[in-house]
C-alpha atoms as a PDB file:
ATOM      1  CA  UNK A   1     109.495  99.127  79.888  1.00  0.00           C
ATOM      2  CA  UNK A   2     110.150 102.783  78.996  1.00  0.00           C
ATOM      3  CA  UNK A   3     112.467 103.456  76.042  1.00  0.00           C
ATOM      4  CA  UNK A   4     114.745 105.555  78.246  1.00  0.00           C
ATOM      5  CA  UNK A   5     115.228 102.650  80.658  1.00  0.00           C
ATOM      6  CA  UNK A   6     115.781 100.247  77.781  1.00  0.00           C
ATOM      7  CA  UNK A   7     118.502 102.501  76.404  1.00  0.00           C
ATOM      8  CA  UNK A   8     120.124 102.673  79.837  1.00  0.00           C
ATOM      9  CA  UNK A   9     120.211  98.891  80.045  1.00  0.00           C
ATOM     10  CA  UNK A  10     121.602  98.562  76.537  1.00  0.00           C
ATOM     11  CA  UNK A  11     124.279 101.137  77.367  1.00  0.00           C
ATOM     12  CA  UNK A  12     125.151  99.303  80.617  1.00  0.00           C
ATOM     13  CA  UNK A  13     125.443  95.925  78.917  1.00  0.00           C
ATOM     14  CA  UNK A  14     127.342  97.447  76.012  1.00  0.00           C
ATOM     15  CA  UNK A  15     129.735  99.295  78.304  1.00  0.00           C
ATOM     16  CA  UNK A  16     130.488  96.144  80.275  1.00  0.00           C
ATOM     17  CA  UNK A  17     131.006  94.218  77.071  1.00  0.00           C
ATOM     18  CA  UNK A  18     133.478  96.820  75.777  1.00  0.00           C
ATOM     19  CA  UNK A  19     135.302  97.216  79.074  1.00  0.00           C
ATOM     20  CA  UNK A  20     135.705  93.487  79.394  1.00  0.00           C
ATOM     21  CA  UNK A  21     136.110  92.622  75.752  1.00  0.00           C
ATOM     22  CA  UNK A  22     138.786  90.087  76.583  1.00  0.00           C
ATOM     23  CA  UNK A  23     136.595  88.332  79.150  1.00  0.00           C
ATOM     24  CA  UNK A  24     133.837  85.872  78.506  1.00  0.00           C
ATOM     25  CA  UNK A  25     130.490  86.720  80.053  1.00  0.00           C
ATOM     26  CA  UNK A  26     126.878  85.642  79.910  1.00  0.00           C
ATOM     27  CA  UNK A  27     123.874  87.963  80.111  1.00  0.00           C
ATOM     28  CA  UNK A  28     120.451  86.886  81.405  1.00  0.00           C
ATOM     29  CA  UNK A  29     117.162  88.764  81.704  1.00  0.00           C
ATOM     30  CA  UNK A  30     114.856  88.323  84.706  1.00  0.00           C
ATOM     31  CA  UNK A  31     111.561  89.465  86.184  1.00  0.00           C
ATOM     32  CA  UNK A  32     111.463  90.541  89.831  1.00  0.00           C
ATOM     33  CA  UNK A  33     110.041  87.121  90.787  1.00  0.00           C
ATOM     34  CA  UNK A  34     113.296  85.602  89.425  1.00  0.00           C
ATOM     35  CA  UNK A  35     111.534  84.170  86.400  1.00  0.00           C
ATOM     36  CA  UNK A  36     113.880  84.230  83.440  1.00  0.00           C
ATOM     37  CA  UNK A  37     112.671  85.949  80.263  1.00  0.00           C
ATOM     38  CA  UNK A  38     114.089  85.909  76.761  1.00  0.00           C
ATOM     39  CA  UNK A  39     114.556  89.588  75.994  1.00  0.00           C
ATOM     40  CA  UNK A  40     115.637  92.825  77.596  1.00  0.00           C
ATOM     41  CA  UNK A  41     112.372  94.615  76.821  1.00  0.00           C
ATOM     42  CA  UNK A  42     110.384  92.335  79.160  1.00  0.00           C
ATOM     43  CA  UNK A  43     112.996  92.190  81.944  1.00  0.00           C
ATOM     44  CA  UNK A  44     112.921  93.881  85.354  1.00  0.00           C
ATOM     45  CA  UNK A  45     116.662  93.445  85.771  1.00  0.00           C
ATOM     46  CA  UNK A  46     119.709  92.149  83.931  1.00  0.00           C
ATOM     47  CA  UNK A  47     122.112  89.552  85.331  1.00  0.00           C
ATOM     48  CA  UNK A  48     125.665  89.430  83.997  1.00  0.00           C
ATOM     49  CA  UNK A  49     128.122  86.684  84.943  1.00  0.00           C
ATOM     50  CA  UNK A  50     131.762  87.273  83.978  1.00  0.00           C
ATOM     51  CA  UNK A  51     134.617  84.802  83.889  1.00  0.00           C
ATOM     52  CA  UNK A  52     137.097  85.002  86.820  1.00  0.00           C
ATOM     53  CA  UNK A  53     139.910  87.522  86.930  1.00  0.00           C
ATOM     54  CA  UNK A  54     143.429  86.198  86.523  1.00  0.00           C
ATOM     55  CA  UNK A  55     144.403  84.458  89.754  1.00  0.00           C
ATOM     56  CA  UNK A  56     140.809  84.262  91.024  1.00  0.00           C
ATOM     57  CA  UNK A  57     138.616  81.162  91.147  1.00  0.00           C
ATOM     58  CA  UNK A  58     135.348  83.117  91.331  1.00  0.00           C
ATOM     59  CA  UNK A  59     133.021  84.418  88.630  1.00  0.00           C
ATOM     60  CA  UNK A  60     131.776  88.011  88.949  1.00  0.00           C
ATOM     61  CA  UNK A  61     128.056  88.633  89.414  1.00  0.00           C
ATOM     62  CA  UNK A  62     126.520  91.967  88.380  1.00  0.00           C
ATOM     63  CA  UNK A  63     122.782  92.735  88.297  1.00  0.00           C
ATOM     64  CA  UNK A  64     121.288  96.020  87.068  1.00  0.00           C
ATOM     65  CA  UNK A  65     117.965  97.826  87.485  1.00  0.00           C
ATOM     66  CA  UNK A  66     115.957  98.922  84.406  1.00  0.00           C
ATOM     67  CA  UNK A  67     117.498 102.413  84.639  1.00  0.00           C
ATOM     68  CA  UNK A  68     120.966 100.893  84.267  1.00  0.00           C
ATOM     69  CA  UNK A  69     122.023 101.381  87.891  1.00  0.00           C
ATOM     70  CA  UNK A  70     123.654  98.508  89.728  1.00  0.00           C
ATOM     71  CA  UNK A  71     121.288  96.268  91.725  1.00  0.00           C
ATOM     72  CA  UNK A  72     123.783  93.748  93.146  1.00  0.00           C
ATOM     73  CA  UNK A  73     127.475  92.843  93.043  1.00  0.00           C
ATOM     74  CA  UNK A  74     128.953  89.571  94.174  1.00  0.00           C
ATOM     75  CA  UNK A  75     131.130  86.565  93.408  1.00  0.00           C
ATOM     76  CA  UNK A  76     130.212  83.010  92.440  1.00  0.00           C
ATOM     77  CA  UNK A  77     132.088  79.735  92.666  1.00  0.00           C
ATOM     78  CA  UNK A  78     129.604  78.113  90.284  1.00  0.00           C
ATOM     79  CA  UNK A  79     126.307  78.584  88.436  1.00  0.00           C
ATOM     80  CA  UNK A  80     123.520  77.626  87.894  1.00  0.00           C
ATOM     81  CA  UNK A  81     122.281  77.723  90.552  1.00  0.00           C
ATOM     82  CA  UNK A  82     124.172  80.711  91.897  1.00  0.00           C
ATOM     83  CA  UNK A  83     126.684  79.698  94.572  1.00  0.00           C
ATOM     84  CA  UNK A  84     127.714  82.894  96.359  1.00  0.00           C
ATOM     85  CA  UNK A  85     131.184  83.529  97.741  1.00  0.00           C
ATOM     86  CA  UNK A  86     132.937  86.441  99.482  1.00  0.00           C
ATOM     87  CA  UNK A  87     131.351  89.900  99.655  1.00  0.00           C
ATOM     88  CA  UNK A  88     127.810  90.437  98.403  1.00  0.00           C
ATOM     89  CA  UNK A  89     126.249  93.913  98.193  1.00  0.00           C
ATOM     90  CA  UNK A  90     122.752  94.918  97.066  1.00  0.00           C
ATOM     91  CA  UNK A  91     121.798  98.509  96.237  1.00  0.00           C
ATOM     92  CA  UNK A  92     118.737 100.728  96.240  1.00  0.00           C
ATOM     93  CA  UNK A  93     117.734 102.364  92.971  1.00  0.00           C
ATOM     94  CA  UNK A  94     119.326 105.615  94.180  1.00  0.00           C
ATOM     95  CA  UNK A  95     122.727 103.899  94.281  1.00  0.00           C
ATOM     96  CA  UNK A  96     122.926 103.642  98.094  1.00  0.00           C
ATOM     97  CA  UNK A  97     123.798 100.323  99.715  1.00  0.00           C
ATOM     98  CA  UNK A  98     120.816  98.231 100.806  1.00  0.00           C
ATOM     99  CA  UNK A  99     122.443  95.134 102.301  1.00  0.00           C
ATOM    100  CA  UNK A 100     126.008  93.862 102.662  1.00  0.00           C
ATOM    101  CA  UNK A 101     127.364  90.530 103.844  1.00  0.00           C
ATOM    102  CA  UNK A 102     129.832  87.774 102.944  1.00  0.00           C
ATOM    103  CA  UNK A 103     129.303  84.181 101.883  1.00  0.00           C
ATOM    104  CA  UNK A 104     131.309  80.964 101.988  1.00  0.00           C
ATOM    105  CA  UNK A 105     130.009  78.009  99.960  1.00  0.00           C
ATOM    106  CA  UNK A 106     126.693  79.879  99.560  1.00  0.00           C
ATOM    107  CA  UNK A 107     126.306  80.172 103.345  1.00  0.00           C
ATOM    108  CA  UNK A 108     126.283  83.534 105.139  1.00  0.00           C
ATOM    109  CA  UNK A 109     129.671  83.951 106.797  1.00  0.00           C
ATOM    110  CA  UNK A 110     129.776  86.941 109.151  1.00  0.00           C
ATOM    111  CA  UNK A 111     127.537  89.865 109.999  1.00  0.00           C
ATOM    112  CA  UNK A 112     124.729  91.172 107.779  1.00  0.00           C
ATOM    113  CA  UNK A 113     124.515  94.947 107.440  1.00  0.00           C
ATOM    114  CA  UNK A 114     121.182  96.567 106.484  1.00  0.00           C
ATOM    115  CA  UNK A 115     120.923 100.211 105.408  1.00  0.00           C
ATOM    116  CA  UNK A 116     118.177 102.782 104.998  1.00  0.00           C
ATOM    117  CA  UNK A 117     117.587 104.320 101.584  1.00  0.00           C
ATOM    118  CA  UNK A 118     119.262 107.524 102.796  1.00  0.00           C
ATOM    119  CA  UNK A 119     122.472 105.556 103.324  1.00  0.00           C
ATOM    120  CA  UNK A 120     122.458 105.401 107.144  1.00  0.00           C
ATOM    121  CA  UNK A 121     122.981 102.088 108.934  1.00  0.00           C
ATOM    122  CA  UNK A 122     119.763 100.417 110.044  1.00  0.00           C
ATOM    123  CA  UNK A 123     120.708  97.069 111.526  1.00  0.00           C
ATOM    124  CA  UNK A 124     123.596  94.648 112.103  1.00  0.00           C
ATOM    125  CA  UNK A 125     122.535  91.021 112.303  1.00  0.00           C
ATOM    126  CA  UNK A 126     124.523  87.928 113.250  1.00  0.00           C
ATOM    127  CA  UNK A 127     123.494  84.295 112.924  1.00  0.00           C
ATOM    128  CA  UNK A 128     124.017  82.129 115.996  1.00  0.00           C
ATOM    129  CA  UNK A 129     125.632  78.700 115.776  1.00  0.00           C
ATOM    130  CA  UNK A 130     122.169  77.183 116.236  1.00  0.00           C
ATOM    131  CA  UNK A 131     120.926  78.737 112.980  1.00  0.00           C
ATOM    132  CA  UNK A 132     121.436  75.624 110.871  1.00  0.00           C
ATOM    133  CA  UNK A 133     119.144  76.871 108.076  1.00  0.00           C
ATOM    134  CA  UNK A 134     121.222  80.028 107.550  1.00  0.00           C
ATOM    135  CA  UNK A 135     118.037  82.084 107.920  1.00  0.00           C
ATOM    136  CA  UNK A 136     118.659  85.786 108.691  1.00  0.00           C
ATOM    137  CA  UNK A 137     115.026  86.125 109.844  1.00  0.00           C
ATOM    138  CA  UNK A 138     114.926  82.984 111.995  1.00  0.00           C
ATOM    139  CA  UNK A 139     114.635  82.642 115.755  1.00  0.00           C
ATOM    140  CA  UNK A 140     118.396  82.168 116.090  1.00  0.00           C
ATOM    141  CA  UNK A 141     119.160  85.584 114.613  1.00  0.00           C
ATOM    142  CA  UNK A 142     121.062  87.997 116.845  1.00  0.00           C
ATOM    143  CA  UNK A 143     120.265  91.715 116.496  1.00  0.00           C
ATOM    144  CA  UNK A 144     123.521  93.395 117.523  1.00  0.00           C
ATOM    145  CA  UNK A 145     122.784  96.952 116.384  1.00  0.00           C
ATOM    146  CA  UNK A 146     119.676  98.843 115.361  1.00  0.00           C
ATOM    147  CA  UNK A 147     119.029 102.501 114.646  1.00  0.00           C
ATOM    148  CA  UNK A 148     116.283 104.552 113.041  1.00  0.00           C
ATOM    149  CA  UNK A 149     116.659 106.511 109.793  1.00  0.00           C
ATOM    150  CA  UNK A 150     117.831 109.615 111.706  1.00  0.00           C
ATOM    151  CA  UNK A 151     120.737 107.710 113.225  1.00  0.00           C
ATOM    152  CA  UNK A 152     119.210 107.336 116.707  1.00  0.00           C
ATOM    153  CA  UNK A 153     120.658 104.116 118.145  1.00  0.00           C
ATOM    154  CA  UNK A 154     118.221 101.769 119.900  1.00  0.00           C
ATOM    155  CA  UNK A 155     120.289  98.575 120.112  1.00  0.00           C
ATOM    156  CA  UNK A 156     124.018  98.648 120.944  1.00  0.00           C
ATOM    157  CA  UNK A 157     126.111  95.472 121.282  1.00  0.00           C
ATOM    158  CA  UNK A 158     122.926  93.408 121.313  1.00  0.00           C
ATOM    159  CA  UNK A 159     121.232  95.286 124.167  1.00  0.00           C
ATOM    160  CA  UNK A 160     118.514  97.935 124.204  1.00  0.00           C
ATOM    161  CA  UNK A 161     114.887  98.632 123.442  1.00  0.00           C
ATOM    162  CA  UNK A 162     113.197  99.012 120.069  1.00  0.00           C
ATOM    163  CA  UNK A 163     110.166 101.171 119.457  1.00  0.00           C
ATOM    164  CA  UNK A 164     109.601 101.433 115.737  1.00  0.00           C
ATOM    165  CA  UNK A 165     107.033 101.794 112.994  1.00  0.00           C
ATOM    166  CA  UNK A 166     106.549  98.695 110.840  1.00  0.00           C
ATOM    167  CA  UNK A 167     104.695  98.337 107.544  1.00  0.00           C
ATOM    168  CA  UNK A 168     102.956  95.094 108.549  1.00  0.00           C
ATOM    169  CA  UNK A 169      99.246  95.099 109.448  1.00  0.00           C
ATOM    170  CA  UNK A 170      98.713  98.256 107.403  1.00  0.00           C
ATOM    171  CA  UNK A 171     101.131 100.139 109.660  1.00  0.00           C
ATOM    172  CA  UNK A 172     101.855  99.461 113.326  1.00  0.00           C
ATOM    173  CA  UNK A 173     104.092 100.222 116.319  1.00  0.00           C
ATOM    174  CA  UNK A 174     106.376  97.427 117.545  1.00  0.00           C
ATOM    175  CA  UNK A 175     108.003  97.692 120.959  1.00  0.00           C
ATOM    176  CA  UNK A 176     110.303  95.356 122.878  1.00  0.00           C
ATOM    177  CA  UNK A 177     113.656  94.687 124.500  1.00  0.00           C
ATOM    178  CA  UNK A 178     116.778  92.881 123.260  1.00  0.00           C
ATOM    179  CA  UNK A 179     119.233  91.172 125.569  1.00  0.00           C
ATOM    180  CA  UNK A 180     122.485  89.831 124.100  1.00  0.00           C
ATOM    181  CA  UNK A 181     120.944  90.112 120.635  1.00  0.00           C
ATOM    182  CA  UNK A 182     117.797  88.155 121.493  1.00  0.00           C
ATOM    183  CA  UNK A 183     114.230  89.165 122.285  1.00  0.00           C
ATOM    184  CA  UNK A 184     113.617  89.290 126.014  1.00  0.00           C
ATOM    185  CA  UNK A 185     110.697  90.220 128.224  1.00  0.00           C
ATOM    186  CA  UNK A 186     107.374  91.572 126.941  1.00  0.00           C
ATOM    187  CA  UNK A 187     106.954  92.553 123.258  1.00  0.00           C
ATOM    188  CA  UNK A 188     103.912  94.389 121.947  1.00  0.00           C
ATOM    189  CA  UNK A 189     102.465  95.317 118.558  1.00  0.00           C
ATOM    190  CA  UNK A 190      99.506  97.604 117.918  1.00  0.00           C
ATOM    191  CA  UNK A 191      98.210  98.487 114.467  1.00  0.00           C
ATOM    192  CA  UNK A 192      97.734 102.156 113.666  1.00  0.00           C
ATOM    193  CA  UNK A 193      93.987 101.679 113.214  1.00  0.00           C
ATOM    194  CA  UNK A 194      93.711 100.012 116.625  1.00  0.00           C
ATOM    195  CA  UNK A 195      92.065  96.879 115.231  1.00  0.00           C
ATOM    196  CA  UNK A 196      94.954  94.421 115.681  1.00  0.00           C
ATOM    197  CA  UNK A 197      97.421  93.915 118.496  1.00  0.00           C
ATOM    198  CA  UNK A 198      99.463  91.267 120.254  1.00  0.00           C
ATOM    199  CA  UNK A 199     101.536  90.811 123.412  1.00  0.00           C
ATOM    200  CA  UNK A 200     104.297  88.204 123.580  1.00  0.00           C
ATOM    201  CA  UNK A 201     106.630  87.076 126.334  1.00  0.00           C
ATOM    202  CA  UNK A 202     110.226  85.992 125.614  1.00  0.00           C
ATOM    203  CA  UNK A 203     113.049  84.622 127.740  1.00  0.00           C
ATOM    204  CA  UNK A 204     116.529  84.950 126.213  1.00  0.00           C
ATOM    205  CA  UNK A 205     115.103  84.660 122.718  1.00  0.00           C
ATOM    206  CA  UNK A 206     112.721  81.802 123.469  1.00  0.00           C
ATOM    207  CA  UNK A 207     109.029  82.498 122.844  1.00  0.00           C
ATOM    208  CA  UNK A 208     106.978  81.684 125.958  1.00  0.00           C
ATOM    209  CA  UNK A 209     103.382  82.694 125.258  1.00  0.00           C
ATOM    210  CA  UNK A 210     101.323  85.262 123.390  1.00  0.00           C
ATOM    211  CA  UNK A 211      97.918  86.903 123.300  1.00  0.00           C
ATOM    212  CA  UNK A 212      96.429  88.513 120.189  1.00  0.00           C
ATOM    213  CA  UNK A 213      93.449  90.802 119.904  1.00  0.00           C
ATOM    214  CA  UNK A 214      91.312  91.383 116.802  1.00  0.00           C
ATOM    215  CA  UNK A 215      88.485  93.918 117.062  1.00  0.00           C
ATOM    216  CA  UNK A 216      88.301  93.416 120.822  1.00  0.00           C
ATOM    217  CA  UNK A 217      88.359  89.603 120.705  1.00  0.00           C
ATOM    218  CA  UNK A 218      91.370  88.114 122.512  1.00  0.00           C
ATOM    219  CA  UNK A 219      92.960  84.702 122.022  1.00  0.00           C
ATOM    220  CA  UNK A 220      96.072  83.054 123.425  1.00  0.00           C
ATOM    221  CA  UNK A 221      98.646  81.098 121.426  1.00  0.00           C
ATOM    222  CA  UNK A 222     101.746  79.018 122.158  1.00  0.00           C
ATOM    223  CA  UNK A 223     103.389  79.159 118.725  1.00  0.00           C
ATOM    224  CA  UNK A 224     104.316  82.270 116.737  1.00  0.00           C
ATOM    225  CA  UNK A 225     103.496  80.546 113.436  1.00  0.00           C
ATOM    226  CA  UNK A 226     100.552  78.240 112.887  1.00  0.00           C
ATOM    227  CA  UNK A 227     100.143  76.921 109.317  1.00  0.00           C
ATOM    228  CA  UNK A 228      96.743  76.757 107.672  1.00  0.00           C
ATOM    229  CA  UNK A 229      94.894  73.484 108.174  1.00  0.00           C
ATOM    230  CA  UNK A 230      91.868  71.680 106.788  1.00  0.00           C
ATOM    231  CA  UNK A 231      89.148  70.680 109.224  1.00  0.00           C
ATOM    232  CA  UNK A 232      89.956  67.115 110.260  1.00  0.00           C
ATOM    233  CA  UNK A 233      93.515  67.279 108.916  1.00  0.00           C
ATOM    234  CA  UNK A 234      95.202  67.188 105.517  1.00  0.00           C
ATOM    235  CA  UNK A 235      94.109  63.593 104.905  1.00  0.00           C
ATOM    236  CA  UNK A 236      90.519  64.768 105.168  1.00  0.00           C
ATOM    237  CA  UNK A 237      91.251  67.321 102.423  1.00  0.00           C
ATOM    238  CA  UNK A 238      92.659  64.587 100.198  1.00  0.00           C
ATOM    239  CA  UNK A 239      89.608  62.442 100.952  1.00  0.00           C
ATOM    240  CA  UNK A 240      87.398  65.366  99.921  1.00  0.00           C
ATOM    241  CA  UNK A 241      89.252  65.518  96.592  1.00  0.00           C
ATOM    242  CA  UNK A 242      88.891  61.759  96.041  1.00  0.00           C
ATOM    243  CA  UNK A 243      85.161  61.822  96.760  1.00  0.00           C
ATOM    244  CA  UNK A 244      84.549  64.906  94.660  1.00  0.00           C
ATOM    245  CA  UNK A 245      86.419  64.262  91.418  1.00  0.00           C
ATOM    246  CA  UNK A 246      84.679  63.070  88.275  1.00  0.00           C
ATOM    247  CA  UNK A 247      86.697  61.557  85.451  1.00  0.00           C
ATOM    248  CA  UNK A 248      85.670  63.429  82.258  1.00  0.00           C
ATOM    249  CA  UNK A 249      84.360  61.084  79.568  1.00  0.00           C
ATOM    250  CA  UNK A 250      86.616  62.447  76.810  1.00  0.00           C
ATOM    251  CA  UNK A 251      89.690  61.852  78.980  1.00  0.00           C
ATOM    252  CA  UNK A 252      88.501  58.302  79.726  1.00  0.00           C
ATOM    253  CA  UNK A 253      87.878  57.641  76.043  1.00  0.00           C
ATOM    254  CA  UNK A 254      91.368  58.853  75.117  1.00  0.00           C
ATOM    255  CA  UNK A 255      92.891  57.048  78.131  1.00  0.00           C
ATOM    256  CA  UNK A 256      94.486  60.227  79.460  1.00  0.00           C
ATOM    257  CA  UNK A 257      96.093  59.758  82.877  1.00  0.00           C
ATOM    258  CA  UNK A 258      98.490  61.708  85.046  1.00  0.00           C
ATOM    259  CA  UNK A 259      98.618  64.612  87.498  1.00  0.00           C
ATOM    260  CA  UNK A 260      97.318  68.170  87.427  1.00  0.00           C
ATOM    261  CA  UNK A 261      99.270  70.551  89.659  1.00  0.00           C
ATOM    262  CA  UNK A 262      97.480  73.486  91.277  1.00  0.00           C
ATOM    263  CA  UNK A 263      98.412  76.392  93.521  1.00  0.00           C
ATOM    264  CA  UNK A 264      96.152  78.590  95.631  1.00  0.00           C
ATOM    265  CA  UNK A 265      96.124  81.033  98.541  1.00  0.00           C
ATOM    266  CA  UNK A 266      94.301  80.284 101.761  1.00  0.00           C
ATOM    267  CA  UNK A 267      92.856  83.667 102.707  1.00  0.00           C
ATOM    268  CA  UNK A 268      92.555  85.101 106.204  1.00  0.00           C
ATOM    269  CA  UNK A 269      88.947  83.861 106.434  1.00  0.00           C
ATOM    270  CA  UNK A 270      89.907  80.343 105.289  1.00  0.00           C
ATOM    271  CA  UNK A 271      88.517  80.622 101.750  1.00  0.00           C
ATOM    272  CA  UNK A 272      90.628  79.507  98.773  1.00  0.00           C
ATOM    273  CA  UNK A 273      91.542  82.304  96.366  1.00  0.00           C
ATOM    274  CA  UNK A 274      93.901  82.901  93.423  1.00  0.00           C
ATOM    275  CA  UNK A 275      93.494  79.280  92.333  1.00  0.00           C
ATOM    276  CA  UNK A 276      95.534  78.385  89.266  1.00  0.00           C
ATOM    277  CA  UNK A 277      96.751  75.313  87.382  1.00  0.00           C
ATOM    278  CA  UNK A 278     100.540  75.407  87.429  1.00  0.00           C
ATOM    279  CA  UNK A 279     101.124  72.244  85.385  1.00  0.00           C
ATOM    280  CA  UNK A 280      98.469  71.179  82.904  1.00  0.00           C
ATOM    281  CA  UNK A 281      97.624  67.646  81.797  1.00  0.00           C
ATOM    282  CA  UNK A 282      94.544  67.691  79.519  1.00  0.00           C
ATOM    283  CA  UNK A 283      91.859  70.414  79.157  1.00  0.00           C
ATOM    284  CA  UNK A 284      88.944  68.553  80.704  1.00  0.00           C
ATOM    285  CA  UNK A 285      91.101  67.105  83.508  1.00  0.00           C
ATOM    286  CA  UNK A 286      92.584  70.541  84.234  1.00  0.00           C
ATOM    287  CA  UNK A 287      89.087  72.014  84.407  1.00  0.00           C
ATOM    288  CA  UNK A 288      87.825  69.217  86.680  1.00  0.00           C
ATOM    289  CA  UNK A 289      90.721  69.595  89.108  1.00  0.00           C
ATOM    290  CA  UNK A 290      90.255  73.369  89.170  1.00  0.00           C
ATOM    291  CA  UNK A 291      86.522  73.009  89.805  1.00  0.00           C
ATOM    292  CA  UNK A 292      87.025  70.667  92.764  1.00  0.00           C
ATOM    293  CA  UNK A 293      89.448  73.060  94.454  1.00  0.00           C
ATOM    294  CA  UNK A 294      87.135  76.017  93.771  1.00  0.00           C
ATOM    295  CA  UNK A 295      84.315  74.159  95.586  1.00  0.00           C
ATOM    296  CA  UNK A 296      86.475  73.206  98.569  1.00  0.00           C
ATOM    297  CA  UNK A 297      85.149  73.901 102.074  1.00  0.00           C
ATOM    298  CA  UNK A 298      86.957  76.648 103.942  1.00  0.00           C
ATOM    299  CA  UNK A 299      90.218  75.972 105.754  1.00  0.00           C
ATOM    300  CA  UNK A 300      91.368  77.154 109.158  1.00  0.00           C
ATOM    301  CA  UNK A 301      93.604  80.095 108.188  1.00  0.00           C
ATOM    302  CA  UNK A 302      97.300  80.363 109.002  1.00  0.00           C
ATOM    303  CA  UNK A 303      98.295  82.642 111.865  1.00  0.00           C
ATOM    304  CA  UNK A 304     101.418  84.604 112.695  1.00  0.00           C
ATOM    305  CA  UNK A 305     101.558  86.193 116.152  1.00  0.00           C
ATOM    306  CA  UNK A 306      98.025  84.864 116.614  1.00  0.00           C
ATOM    307  CA  UNK A 307      96.712  86.961 113.711  1.00  0.00           C
ATOM    308  CA  UNK A 308      95.262  85.419 110.505  1.00  0.00           C
ATOM    309  CA  UNK A 309      97.489  85.670 107.404  1.00  0.00           C
ATOM    310  CA  UNK A 310      97.358  84.388 103.836  1.00  0.00           C
ATOM    311  CA  UNK A 311      99.231  81.192 103.025  1.00  0.00           C
ATOM    312  CA  UNK A 312     100.134  79.578  99.707  1.00  0.00           C
ATOM    313  CA  UNK A 313      99.463  75.894  99.095  1.00  0.00           C
ATOM    314  CA  UNK A 314     100.365  73.527  96.257  1.00  0.00           C
ATOM    315  CA  UNK A 315      98.551  70.294  95.506  1.00  0.00           C
ATOM    316  CA  UNK A 316      98.820  67.624  92.780  1.00  0.00           C
ATOM    317  CA  UNK A 317      95.603  65.860  91.747  1.00  0.00           C
ATOM    318  CA  UNK A 318      96.014  62.424  90.166  1.00  0.00           C
ATOM    319  CA  UNK A 319      93.819  60.902  87.484  1.00  0.00           C
ATOM    320  CA  UNK A 320      94.184  57.145  86.967  1.00  0.00           C
ATOM    321  CA  UNK A 321      92.018  54.674  85.016  1.00  0.00           C
ATOM    322  CA  UNK A 322      93.386  51.666  86.917  1.00  0.00           C
ATOM    323  CA  UNK A 323      91.231  50.920  89.928  1.00  0.00           C
ATOM    324  CA  UNK A 324      94.065  49.440  91.981  1.00  0.00           C
ATOM    325  CA  UNK A 325      95.933  52.750  91.791  1.00  0.00           C
ATOM    326  CA  UNK A 326      92.964  55.076  91.355  1.00  0.00           C
ATOM    327  CA  UNK A 327      91.832  57.826  93.667  1.00  0.00           C
ATOM    328  CA  UNK A 328      88.354  57.503  92.212  1.00  0.00           C
ATOM    329  CA  UNK A 329      85.292  55.307  92.785  1.00  0.00           C
ATOM    330  CA  UNK A 330      84.251  52.663  90.203  1.00  0.00           C
ATOM    331  CA  UNK A 331      83.506  53.944  86.710  1.00  0.00           C
ATOM    332  CA  UNK A 332      79.752  53.933  87.143  1.00  0.00           C
ATOM    333  CA  UNK A 333      80.194  56.521  89.926  1.00  0.00           C
ATOM    334  CA  UNK A 334      82.501  58.873  88.031  1.00  0.00           C
ATOM    335  CA  UNK A 335      79.705  61.353  87.453  1.00  0.00           C
ATOM    336  CA  UNK A 336      78.749  61.666  91.111  1.00  0.00           C
ATOM    337  CA  UNK A 337      79.331  65.291  92.007  1.00  0.00           C
ATOM    338  CA  UNK A 338      81.046  66.609  95.052  1.00  0.00           C
ATOM    339  CA  UNK A 339      79.702  66.871  98.515  1.00  0.00           C
ATOM    340  CA  UNK A 340      81.279  67.106 101.941  1.00  0.00           C
END
């Protein structure tokens, strides 16, 4: 982190400490992936939680960017984890509002307002009563207002037509109609390079059917999201692991047992990439588990709107020396190598 930004953060924290010298507060340092770090020099943002004002039951939440500018403001009824209450506002680095909404018991309570970086209103979103997961991007989200960055209104009171550029698929044009805040009729997407496209039919927000096209090859689909799958099902993947693992001799000798946890991405062609051990057990067992996943047959990739997308997957691999609980064949077969 640049020295100038570090100084800005120190000044921000110091200013807040001085201004609220009579109040107790806690300062945390975080990376953008919300991983907590121990010092300000390795942080992407600072989180400050202040004790409630007199007469208030809520803690104050303030987060700051590396340049010292405010990232978010909100209120908390408890922490950790953060339990949001009342108004919550996030900001762009230029100080303009990015998103604004209110919470009650950590649940969105009211409309969500999204803004462009130039400060103009982009979108007003409401969650229907059917949105039990409180997901602002879910199928039960109502788009009540939408405009472009110049202020041109496309959706008013939940009705209208959107034709807009999106960053997905390397840049594309999305076009479709809203009725009472829900997608309705035919929706289309076409990538700027002309390689990818889809057409989808909706009825009062309900997805009916879709057809995607990739490099001239068309395919129909009946679900917007299809998770990645292993040929023959997930049990077949676990069977592949059981058949393929070898129990390293040094781990057997030292009677090391337990689980190795791994994470990987299933790429758009079904191959496994970015494989990593997220929780280690013992060097040779970690290496064996990693090797088995690296040699895995390809999966059927995940699809969104009928188009292949990457998907993350987590898997624990167990090592047990007790045959009645073991995933492995008898000891004299431990050195059989994988095959499928």
